Amino acid sequence: MAITFIQQKKRQQILVFLVAGMAILALLVLWFGFFSSAPREASSSFSLPSPREVSIDFGVFENPVFQELGSPFPPVEVPAKTEKANPFIRPR
């Protein structure tokens, strides 16, 4: 019984050292990655192209072939009024 207790305590000590080492490593990465380096300036060699002018020709809509097409959807018919009362309206 004493052997298993000693082995378990040794395993816990190794685990504590491993977790502490990982925490120190994470702190070092954060320190050298974020805090110690001076902020870098953006590279000025990259520039965006200037936007081109866009012109839209609306003369297509005046074409007689386009005018003959008409609406692609059938007209919407209003349904006849039903005799049921609306259940979502509060009565006064």
PDB file of N, CA and C in Angstrom:
ATOM      1  N   MET A   1       0.804  -1.176   0.000  1.00  0.00           N
ATOM      2  CA  MET A   1       0.000   0.000   0.000  1.00  0.00           C
ATOM      3  C   MET A   1       0.863   1.262   0.000  1.00  0.00           C
ATOM      4  N   ALA A   2       1.971   1.246   0.663  1.00  0.00           N
ATOM      5  CA  ALA A   2       2.866   2.398   0.707  1.00  0.00           C
ATOM      6  C   ALA A   2       3.507   2.636  -0.646  1.00  0.00           C
ATOM      7  N   ILE A   3       3.698   1.576  -1.405  1.00  0.00           N
ATOM      8  CA  ILE A   3       4.327   1.718  -2.720  1.00  0.00           C
ATOM      9  C   ILE A   3       3.398   2.485  -3.663  1.00  0.00           C
ATOM     10  N   THR A   4       2.113   2.173  -3.656  1.00  0.00           N
ATOM     11  CA  THR A   4       1.197   2.862  -4.553  1.00  0.00           C
ATOM     12  C   THR A   4       1.044   4.320  -4.142  1.00  0.00           C
ATOM     13  N   PHE A   5       1.079   4.613  -2.836  1.00  0.00           N
ATOM     14  CA  PHE A   5       0.967   5.988  -2.371  1.00  0.00           C
ATOM     15  C   PHE A   5       2.177   6.807  -2.815  1.00  0.00           C
ATOM     16  N   ILE A   6       3.351   6.225  -2.729  1.00  0.00           N
ATOM     17  CA  ILE A   6       4.570   6.922  -3.150  1.00  0.00           C
ATOM     18  C   ILE A   6       4.555   7.134  -4.659  1.00  0.00           C
ATOM     19  N   GLN A   7       4.125   6.150  -5.415  1.00  0.00           N
ATOM     20  CA  GLN A   7       4.060   6.289  -6.874  1.00  0.00           C
ATOM     21  C   GLN A   7       3.043   7.368  -7.272  1.00  0.00           C
ATOM     22  N   GLN A   8       1.935   7.414  -6.577  1.00  0.00           N
ATOM     23  CA  GLN A   8       0.925   8.413  -6.891  1.00  0.00           C
ATOM     24  C   GLN A   8       1.446   9.811  -6.555  1.00  0.00           C
ATOM     25  N   LYS A   9       2.151   9.961  -5.431  1.00  0.00           N
ATOM     26  CA  LYS A   9       2.698  11.258  -5.054  1.00  0.00           C
ATOM     27  C   LYS A   9       3.763  11.695  -6.054  1.00  0.00           C
ATOM     28  N   LYS A  10       4.585  10.761  -6.510  1.00  0.00           N
ATOM     29  CA  LYS A  10       5.618  11.087  -7.494  1.00  0.00           C
ATOM     30  C   LYS A  10       4.963  11.497  -8.821  1.00  0.00           C
ATOM     31  N   ARG A  11       3.900  10.832  -9.210  1.00  0.00           N
ATOM     32  CA  ARG A  11       3.184  11.162 -10.439  1.00  0.00           C
ATOM     33  C   ARG A  11       2.574  12.559 -10.339  1.00  0.00           C
ATOM     34  N   GLN A  12       2.036  12.903  -9.171  1.00  0.00           N
ATOM     35  CA  GLN A  12       1.474  14.233  -8.978  1.00  0.00           C
ATOM     36  C   GLN A  12       2.550  15.304  -9.037  1.00  0.00           C
ATOM     37  N   GLN A  13       3.740  15.013  -8.471  1.00  0.00           N
ATOM     38  CA  GLN A  13       4.834  15.980  -8.522  1.00  0.00           C
ATOM     39  C   GLN A  13       5.273  16.221  -9.963  1.00  0.00           C
ATOM     40  N   ILE A  14       5.367  15.172 -10.739  1.00  0.00           N
ATOM     41  CA  ILE A  14       5.741  15.314 -12.152  1.00  0.00           C
ATOM     42  C   ILE A  14       4.691  16.129 -12.891  1.00  0.00           C
ATOM     43  N   LEU A  15       3.418  15.868 -12.597  1.00  0.00           N
ATOM     44  CA  LEU A  15       2.339  16.603 -13.250  1.00  0.00           C
ATOM     45  C   LEU A  15       2.373  18.087 -12.860  1.00  0.00           C
ATOM     46  N   VAL A  16       2.650  18.400 -11.611  1.00  0.00           N
ATOM     47  CA  VAL A  16       2.732  19.786 -11.161  1.00  0.00           C
ATOM     48  C   VAL A  16       3.872  20.496 -11.884  1.00  0.00           C
ATOM     49  N   PHE A  17       5.042  19.847 -11.977  1.00  0.00           N
ATOM     50  CA  PHE A  17       6.168  20.457 -12.687  1.00  0.00           C
ATOM     51  C   PHE A  17       5.859  20.642 -14.167  1.00  0.00           C
ATOM     52  N   LEU A  18       5.163  19.700 -14.770  1.00  0.00           N
ATOM     53  CA  LEU A  18       4.799  19.799 -16.179  1.00  0.00           C
ATOM     54  C   LEU A  18       3.841  20.970 -16.412  1.00  0.00           C
ATOM     55  N   VAL A  19       2.827  21.121 -15.564  1.00  0.00           N
ATOM     56  CA  VAL A  19       1.862  22.218 -15.707  1.00  0.00           C
ATOM     57  C   VAL A  19       2.551  23.551 -15.449  1.00  0.00           C
ATOM     58  N   ALA A  20       3.428  23.610 -14.446  1.00  0.00           N
ATOM     59  CA  ALA A  20       4.155  24.848 -14.166  1.00  0.00           C
ATOM     60  C   ALA A  20       5.063  25.217 -15.335  1.00  0.00           C
ATOM     61  N   GLY A  21       5.713  24.228 -15.933  1.00  0.00           N
ATOM     62  CA  GLY A  21       6.563  24.487 -17.093  1.00  0.00           C
ATOM     63  C   GLY A  21       5.764  25.005 -18.273  1.00  0.00           C
ATOM     64  N   MET A  22       4.582  24.435 -18.495  1.00  0.00           N
ATOM     65  CA  MET A  22       3.736  24.907 -19.595  1.00  0.00           C
ATOM     66  C   MET A  22       3.255  26.332 -19.340  1.00  0.00           C
ATOM     67  N   ALA A  23       2.943  26.671 -18.076  1.00  0.00           N
ATOM     68  CA  ALA A  23       2.501  28.026 -17.751  1.00  0.00           C
ATOM     69  C   ALA A  23       3.642  29.020 -17.966  1.00  0.00           C
ATOM     70  N   ILE A  24       4.844  28.655 -17.564  1.00  0.00           N
ATOM     71  CA  ILE A  24       5.998  29.536 -17.771  1.00  0.00           C
ATOM     72  C   ILE A  24       6.261  29.713 -19.257  1.00  0.00           C
ATOM     73  N   LEU A  25       6.168  28.644 -20.018  1.00  0.00           N
ATOM     74  CA  LEU A  25       6.366  28.728 -21.471  1.00  0.00           C
ATOM     75  C   LEU A  25       5.316  29.640 -22.110  1.00  0.00           C
ATOM     76  N   ALA A  26       4.070  29.524 -21.675  1.00  0.00           N
ATOM     77  CA  ALA A  26       3.010  30.384 -22.228  1.00  0.00           C
ATOM     78  C   ALA A  26       3.262  31.845 -21.882  1.00  0.00           C
ATOM     79  N   LEU A  27       3.698  32.114 -20.655  1.00  0.00           N
ATOM     80  CA  LEU A  27       4.002  33.487 -20.266  1.00  0.00           C
ATOM     81  C   LEU A  27       5.170  34.050 -21.072  1.00  0.00           C
ATOM     82  N   LEU A  28       6.185  33.235 -21.324  1.00  0.00           N
ATOM     83  CA  LEU A  28       7.316  33.692 -22.134  1.00  0.00           C
ATOM     84  C   LEU A  28       6.875  34.021 -23.565  1.00  0.00           C
ATOM     85  N   VAL A  29       6.044  33.179 -24.134  1.00  0.00           N
ATOM     86  CA  VAL A  29       5.555  33.438 -25.496  1.00  0.00           C
ATOM     87  C   VAL A  29       4.757  34.730 -25.527  1.00  0.00           C
ATOM     88  N   LEU A  30       3.890  34.939 -24.540  1.00  0.00           N
ATOM     89  CA  LEU A  30       3.115  36.177 -24.492  1.00  0.00           C
ATOM     90  C   LEU A  30       4.022  37.387 -24.294  1.00  0.00           C
ATOM     91  N   TRP A  31       5.026  37.265 -23.416  1.00  0.00           N
ATOM     92  CA  TRP A  31       5.912  38.391 -23.143  1.00  0.00           C
ATOM     93  C   TRP A  31       6.712  38.784 -24.380  1.00  0.00           C
ATOM     94  N   PHE A  32       7.329  37.817 -25.017  1.00  0.00           N
ATOM     95  CA  PHE A  32       8.155  38.134 -26.183  1.00  0.00           C
ATOM     96  C   PHE A  32       7.322  38.421 -27.422  1.00  0.00           C
ATOM     97  N   GLY A  33       6.111  37.881 -27.488  1.00  0.00           N
ATOM     98  CA  GLY A  33       5.271  38.102 -28.660  1.00  0.00           C
ATOM     99  C   GLY A  33       4.530  39.413 -28.649  1.00  0.00           C
ATOM    100  N   PHE A  34       4.080  39.840 -27.480  1.00  0.00           N
ATOM    101  CA  PHE A  34       3.224  41.018 -27.425  1.00  0.00           C
ATOM    102  C   PHE A  34       3.882  42.230 -26.777  1.00  0.00           C
ATOM    103  N   PHE A  35       4.572  42.016 -25.678  1.00  0.00           N
ATOM    104  CA  PHE A  35       4.997  43.147 -24.874  1.00  0.00           C
ATOM    105  C   PHE A  35       6.378  43.682 -25.223  1.00  0.00           C
ATOM    106  N   SER A  36       7.308  42.825 -25.633  1.00  0.00           N
ATOM    107  CA  SER A  36       8.670  43.313 -25.808  1.00  0.00           C
ATOM    108  C   SER A  36       8.939  43.896 -27.193  1.00  0.00           C
ATOM    109  N   SER A  37       8.195  43.515 -28.193  1.00  0.00           N
ATOM    110  CA  SER A  37       8.469  44.026 -29.533  1.00  0.00           C
ATOM    111  C   SER A  37       7.774  45.371 -29.733  1.00  0.00           C
ATOM    112  N   ALA A  38       8.471  46.268 -30.421  1.00  0.00           N
ATOM    113  CA  ALA A  38       7.889  47.569 -30.727  1.00  0.00           C
ATOM    114  C   ALA A  38       6.845  47.397 -31.821  1.00  0.00           C
ATOM    115  N   PRO A  39       5.798  48.193 -31.799  1.00  0.00           N
ATOM    116  CA  PRO A  39       4.784  48.061 -32.852  1.00  0.00           C
ATOM    117  C   PRO A  39       5.375  48.376 -34.221  1.00  0.00           C
ATOM    118  N   ARG A  40       5.063  47.513 -35.144  1.00  0.00           N
ATOM    119  CA  ARG A  40       5.572  47.706 -36.510  1.00  0.00           C
ATOM    120  C   ARG A  40       4.618  48.582 -37.285  1.00  0.00           C
ATOM    121  N   GLU A  41       5.190  49.362 -38.166  1.00  0.00           N
ATOM    122  CA  GLU A  41       4.357  50.196 -39.022  1.00  0.00           C
ATOM    123  C   GLU A  41       3.990  49.424 -40.278  1.00  0.00           C
ATOM    124  N   ALA A  42       2.881  49.793 -40.856  1.00  0.00           N
ATOM    125  CA  ALA A  42       2.409  49.114 -42.058  1.00  0.00           C
ATOM    126  C   ALA A  42       3.364  49.403 -43.215  1.00  0.00           C
ATOM    127  N   SER A  43       3.509  48.419 -44.051  1.00  0.00           N
ATOM    128  CA  SER A  43       4.383  48.575 -45.206  1.00  0.00           C
ATOM    129  C   SER A  43       3.771  49.562 -46.189  1.00  0.00           C
ATOM    130  N   SER A  44       4.560  50.528 -46.612  1.00  0.00           N
ATOM    131  CA  SER A  44       4.037  51.535 -47.534  1.00  0.00           C
ATOM    132  C   SER A  44       4.195  51.117 -48.989  1.00  0.00           C
ATOM    133  N   SER A  45       4.783  49.949 -49.243  1.00  0.00           N
ATOM    134  CA  SER A  45       4.970  49.518 -50.627  1.00  0.00           C
ATOM    135  C   SER A  45       3.664  49.011 -51.240  1.00  0.00           C
ATOM    136  N   PHE A  46       2.706  48.649 -50.396  1.00  0.00           N
ATOM    137  CA  PHE A  46       1.423  48.147 -50.888  1.00  0.00           C
ATOM    138  C   PHE A  46       0.450  49.305 -51.030  1.00  0.00           C
ATOM    139  N   SER A  47      -0.127  49.453 -52.188  1.00  0.00           N
ATOM    140  CA  SER A  47      -1.127  50.499 -52.395  1.00  0.00           C
ATOM    141  C   SER A  47      -2.310  49.924 -53.152  1.00  0.00           C
ATOM    142  N   LEU A  48      -3.467  50.423 -52.836  1.00  0.00           N
ATOM    143  CA  LEU A  48      -4.679  49.959 -53.502  1.00  0.00           C
ATOM    144  C   LEU A  48      -4.812  50.641 -54.859  1.00  0.00           C
ATOM    145  N   PRO A  49      -5.322  49.908 -55.842  1.00  0.00           N
ATOM    146  CA  PRO A  49      -5.532  50.547 -57.141  1.00  0.00           C
ATOM    147  C   PRO A  49      -6.663  51.561 -57.050  1.00  0.00           C
ATOM    148  N   SER A  50      -6.594  52.570 -57.871  1.00  0.00           N
ATOM    149  CA  SER A  50      -7.647  53.574 -57.853  1.00  0.00           C
ATOM    150  C   SER A  50      -8.910  52.993 -58.480  1.00  0.00           C
ATOM    151  N   PRO A  51     -10.074  53.325 -57.926  1.00  0.00           N
ATOM    152  CA  PRO A  51     -11.315  52.754 -58.456  1.00  0.00           C
ATOM    153  C   PRO A  51     -11.614  53.283 -59.851  1.00  0.00           C
ATOM    154  N   ARG A  52     -12.147  52.390 -60.666  1.00  0.00           N
ATOM    155  CA  ARG A  52     -12.519  52.788 -62.025  1.00  0.00           C
ATOM    156  C   ARG A  52     -13.917  53.373 -62.031  1.00  0.00           C
ATOM    157  N   GLU A  53     -14.194  54.184 -63.027  1.00  0.00           N
ATOM    158  CA  GLU A  53     -15.515  54.788 -63.155  1.00  0.00           C
ATOM    159  C   GLU A  53     -16.473  53.764 -63.740  1.00  0.00           C
ATOM    160  N   VAL A  54     -17.652  53.706 -63.167  1.00  0.00           N
ATOM    161  CA  VAL A  54     -18.671  52.765 -63.618  1.00  0.00           C
ATOM    162  C   VAL A  54     -19.768  53.546 -64.321  1.00  0.00           C
ATOM    163  N   SER A  55     -20.100  53.110 -65.536  1.00  0.00           N
ATOM    164  CA  SER A  55     -21.204  53.749 -66.243  1.00  0.00           C
ATOM    165  C   SER A  55     -22.207  52.663 -66.645  1.00  0.00           C
ATOM    166  N   ILE A  56     -23.460  52.937 -66.379  1.00  0.00           N
ATOM    167  CA  ILE A  56     -24.533  51.987 -66.672  1.00  0.00           C
ATOM    168  C   ILE A  56     -25.362  52.530 -67.820  1.00  0.00           C
ATOM    169  N   ASP A  57     -25.574  51.682 -68.831  1.00  0.00           N
ATOM    170  CA  ASP A  57     -26.360  52.079 -69.986  1.00  0.00           C
ATOM    171  C   ASP A  57     -27.804  51.633 -69.762  1.00  0.00           C
ATOM    172  N   PHE A  58     -28.692  52.568 -69.456  1.00  0.00           N
ATOM    173  CA  PHE A  58     -30.097  52.252 -69.239  1.00  0.00           C
ATOM    174  C   PHE A  58     -30.888  52.251 -70.546  1.00  0.00           C
ATOM    175  N   GLY A  59     -30.230  52.414 -71.658  1.00  0.00           N
ATOM    176  CA  GLY A  59     -30.904  52.394 -72.943  1.00  0.00           C
ATOM    177  C   GLY A  59     -31.467  51.019 -73.283  1.00  0.00           C
ATOM    178  N   VAL A  60     -31.006  49.980 -72.607  1.00  0.00           N
ATOM    179  CA  VAL A  60     -31.505  48.620 -72.839  1.00  0.00           C
ATOM    180  C   VAL A  60     -32.979  48.543 -72.492  1.00  0.00           C
ATOM    181  N   PHE A  61     -33.412  49.276 -71.479  1.00  0.00           N
ATOM    182  CA  PHE A  61     -34.804  49.212 -71.064  1.00  0.00           C
ATOM    183  C   PHE A  61     -35.740  49.892 -72.059  1.00  0.00           C
ATOM    184  N   GLU A  62     -35.215  50.689 -72.941  1.00  0.00           N
ATOM    185  CA  GLU A  62     -36.039  51.355 -73.948  1.00  0.00           C
ATOM    186  C   GLU A  62     -36.151  50.535 -75.226  1.00  0.00           C
ATOM    187  N   ASN A  63     -35.470  49.430 -75.316  1.00  0.00           N
ATOM    188  CA  ASN A  63     -35.497  48.561 -76.485  1.00  0.00           C
ATOM    189  C   ASN A  63     -36.903  47.956 -76.626  1.00  0.00           C
ATOM    190  N   PRO A  64     -37.479  47.949 -77.855  1.00  0.00           N
ATOM    191  CA  PRO A  64     -38.841  47.394 -78.020  1.00  0.00           C
ATOM    192  C   PRO A  64     -38.922  45.906 -77.681  1.00  0.00           C
ATOM    193  N   VAL A  65     -37.851  45.168 -77.892  1.00  0.00           N
ATOM    194  CA  VAL A  65     -37.887  43.737 -77.559  1.00  0.00           C
ATOM    195  C   VAL A  65     -38.020  43.573 -76.043  1.00  0.00           C
ATOM    196  N   PHE A  66     -37.331  44.394 -75.303  1.00  0.00           N
ATOM    197  CA  PHE A  66     -37.441  44.341 -73.853  1.00  0.00           C
ATOM    198  C   PHE A  66     -38.834  44.759 -73.394  1.00  0.00           C
ATOM    199  N   GLN A  67     -39.414  45.731 -74.062  1.00  0.00           N
ATOM    200  CA  GLN A  67     -40.745  46.204 -73.701  1.00  0.00           C
ATOM    201  C   GLN A  67     -41.796  45.116 -73.924  1.00  0.00           C
ATOM    202  N   GLU A  68     -41.586  44.240 -74.913  1.00  0.00           N
ATOM    203  CA  GLU A  68     -42.560  43.183 -75.216  1.00  0.00           C
ATOM    204  C   GLU A  68     -42.528  42.059 -74.187  1.00  0.00           C
ATOM    205  N   LEU A  69     -41.453  41.957 -73.450  1.00  0.00           N
ATOM    206  CA  LEU A  69     -41.344  40.853 -72.484  1.00  0.00           C
ATOM    207  C   LEU A  69     -42.421  40.931 -71.417  1.00  0.00           C
ATOM    208  N   GLY A  70     -42.654  42.082 -70.884  1.00  0.00           N
ATOM    209  CA  GLY A  70     -43.673  42.221 -69.851  1.00  0.00           C
ATOM    210  C   GLY A  70     -43.159  41.683 -68.521  1.00  0.00           C
ATOM    211  N   SER A  71     -44.077  41.508 -67.627  1.00  0.00           N
ATOM    212  CA  SER A  71     -43.739  41.024 -66.291  1.00  0.00           C
ATOM    213  C   SER A  71     -43.610  39.505 -66.309  1.00  0.00           C
ATOM    214  N   PRO A  72     -42.566  38.946 -65.699  1.00  0.00           N
ATOM    215  CA  PRO A  72     -42.413  37.490 -65.685  1.00  0.00           C
ATOM    216  C   PRO A  72     -43.300  36.817 -64.648  1.00  0.00           C
ATOM    217  N   PHE A  73     -43.959  37.597 -63.788  1.00  0.00           N
ATOM    218  CA  PHE A  73     -44.779  37.012 -62.741  1.00  0.00           C
ATOM    219  C   PHE A  73     -46.250  37.267 -63.032  1.00  0.00           C
ATOM    220  N   PRO A  74     -47.115  36.301 -62.709  1.00  0.00           N
ATOM    221  CA  PRO A  74     -48.556  36.548 -62.903  1.00  0.00           C
ATOM    222  C   PRO A  74     -49.028  37.572 -61.877  1.00  0.00           C
ATOM    223  N   PRO A  75     -50.078  38.287 -62.218  1.00  0.00           N
ATOM    224  CA  PRO A  75     -50.573  39.291 -61.263  1.00  0.00           C
ATOM    225  C   PRO A  75     -51.101  38.613 -59.998  1.00  0.00           C
ATOM    226  N   VAL A  76     -50.922  39.274 -58.891  1.00  0.00           N
ATOM    227  CA  VAL A  76     -51.376  38.735 -57.606  1.00  0.00           C
ATOM    228  C   VAL A  76     -52.808  39.173 -57.383  1.00  0.00           C
ATOM    229  N   GLU A  77     -53.656  38.187 -57.122  1.00  0.00           N
ATOM    230  CA  GLU A  77     -55.060  38.490 -56.886  1.00  0.00           C
ATOM    231  C   GLU A  77     -55.307  38.590 -55.385  1.00  0.00           C
ATOM    232  N   VAL A  78     -56.080  39.566 -54.992  1.00  0.00           N
ATOM    233  CA  VAL A  78     -56.431  39.736 -53.589  1.00  0.00           C
ATOM    234  C   VAL A  78     -57.514  38.717 -53.263  1.00  0.00           C
ATOM    235  N   PRO A  79     -57.302  37.903 -52.234  1.00  0.00           N
ATOM    236  CA  PRO A  79     -58.327  36.896 -51.918  1.00  0.00           C
ATOM    237  C   PRO A  79     -59.595  37.553 -51.375  1.00  0.00           C
ATOM    238  N   ALA A  80     -60.682  36.855 -51.551  1.00  0.00           N
ATOM    239  CA  ALA A  80     -61.972  37.366 -51.061  1.00  0.00           C
ATOM    240  C   ALA A  80     -61.937  37.424 -49.544  1.00  0.00           C
ATOM    241  N   LYS A  81     -62.693  38.350 -48.977  1.00  0.00           N
ATOM    242  CA  LYS A  81     -62.707  38.522 -47.534  1.00  0.00           C
ATOM    243  C   LYS A  81     -63.395  37.316 -46.898  1.00  0.00           C
ATOM    244  N   THR A  82     -62.751  36.770 -45.872  1.00  0.00           N
ATOM    245  CA  THR A  82     -63.332  35.617 -45.192  1.00  0.00           C
ATOM    246  C   THR A  82     -64.233  36.097 -44.062  1.00  0.00           C
ATOM    247  N   GLU A  83     -65.084  35.235 -43.605  1.00  0.00           N
ATOM    248  CA  GLU A  83     -66.029  35.578 -42.550  1.00  0.00           C
ATOM    249  C   GLU A  83     -65.444  35.350 -41.162  1.00  0.00           C
ATOM    250  N   LYS A  84     -64.254  34.762 -41.072  1.00  0.00           N
ATOM    251  CA  LYS A  84     -63.665  34.492 -39.768  1.00  0.00           C
ATOM    252  C   LYS A  84     -63.083  35.763 -39.176  1.00  0.00           C
ATOM    253  N   ALA A  85     -63.145  35.862 -37.859  1.00  0.00           N
ATOM    254  CA  ALA A  85     -62.552  37.003 -37.161  1.00  0.00           C
ATOM    255  C   ALA A  85     -61.058  36.738 -36.986  1.00  0.00           C
ATOM    256  N   ASN A  86     -60.297  37.790 -36.955  1.00  0.00           N
ATOM    257  CA  ASN A  86     -58.860  37.672 -36.773  1.00  0.00           C
ATOM    258  C   ASN A  86     -58.573  37.318 -35.316  1.00  0.00           C
ATOM    259  N   PRO A  87     -57.913  36.175 -35.037  1.00  0.00           N
ATOM    260  CA  PRO A  87     -57.681  35.778 -33.647  1.00  0.00           C
ATOM    261  C   PRO A  87     -56.575  36.573 -32.978  1.00  0.00           C
ATOM    262  N   PHE A  88     -55.808  37.342 -33.712  1.00  0.00           N
ATOM    263  CA  PHE A  88     -54.671  38.068 -33.159  1.00  0.00           C
ATOM    264  C   PHE A  88     -55.014  39.499 -32.779  1.00  0.00           C
ATOM    265  N   ILE A  89     -56.221  39.939 -33.064  1.00  0.00           N
ATOM    266  CA  ILE A  89     -56.644  41.288 -32.710  1.00  0.00           C
ATOM    267  C   ILE A  89     -57.438  41.215 -31.420  1.00  0.00           C
ATOM    268  N   ARG A  90     -57.058  42.096 -30.458  1.00  0.00           N
ATOM    269  CA  ARG A  90     -57.789  42.126 -29.193  1.00  0.00           C
ATOM    270  C   ARG A  90     -59.159  42.785 -29.388  1.00  0.00           C
ATOM    271  N   PRO A  91     -60.152  42.195 -28.812  1.00  0.00           N
ATOM    272  CA  PRO A  91     -61.476  42.855 -28.889  1.00  0.00           C
ATOM    273  C   PRO A  91     -61.485  44.046 -27.954  1.00  0.00           C
ATOM    274  N   ARG A  92     -62.154  45.103 -28.360  1.00  0.00           N
ATOM    275  CA  ARG A  92     -62.209  46.332 -27.551  1.00  0.00           C
ATOM    276  C   ARG A  92     -63.358  46.319 -26.605  1.00  0.00           C
TER     277      ARG A  92
END
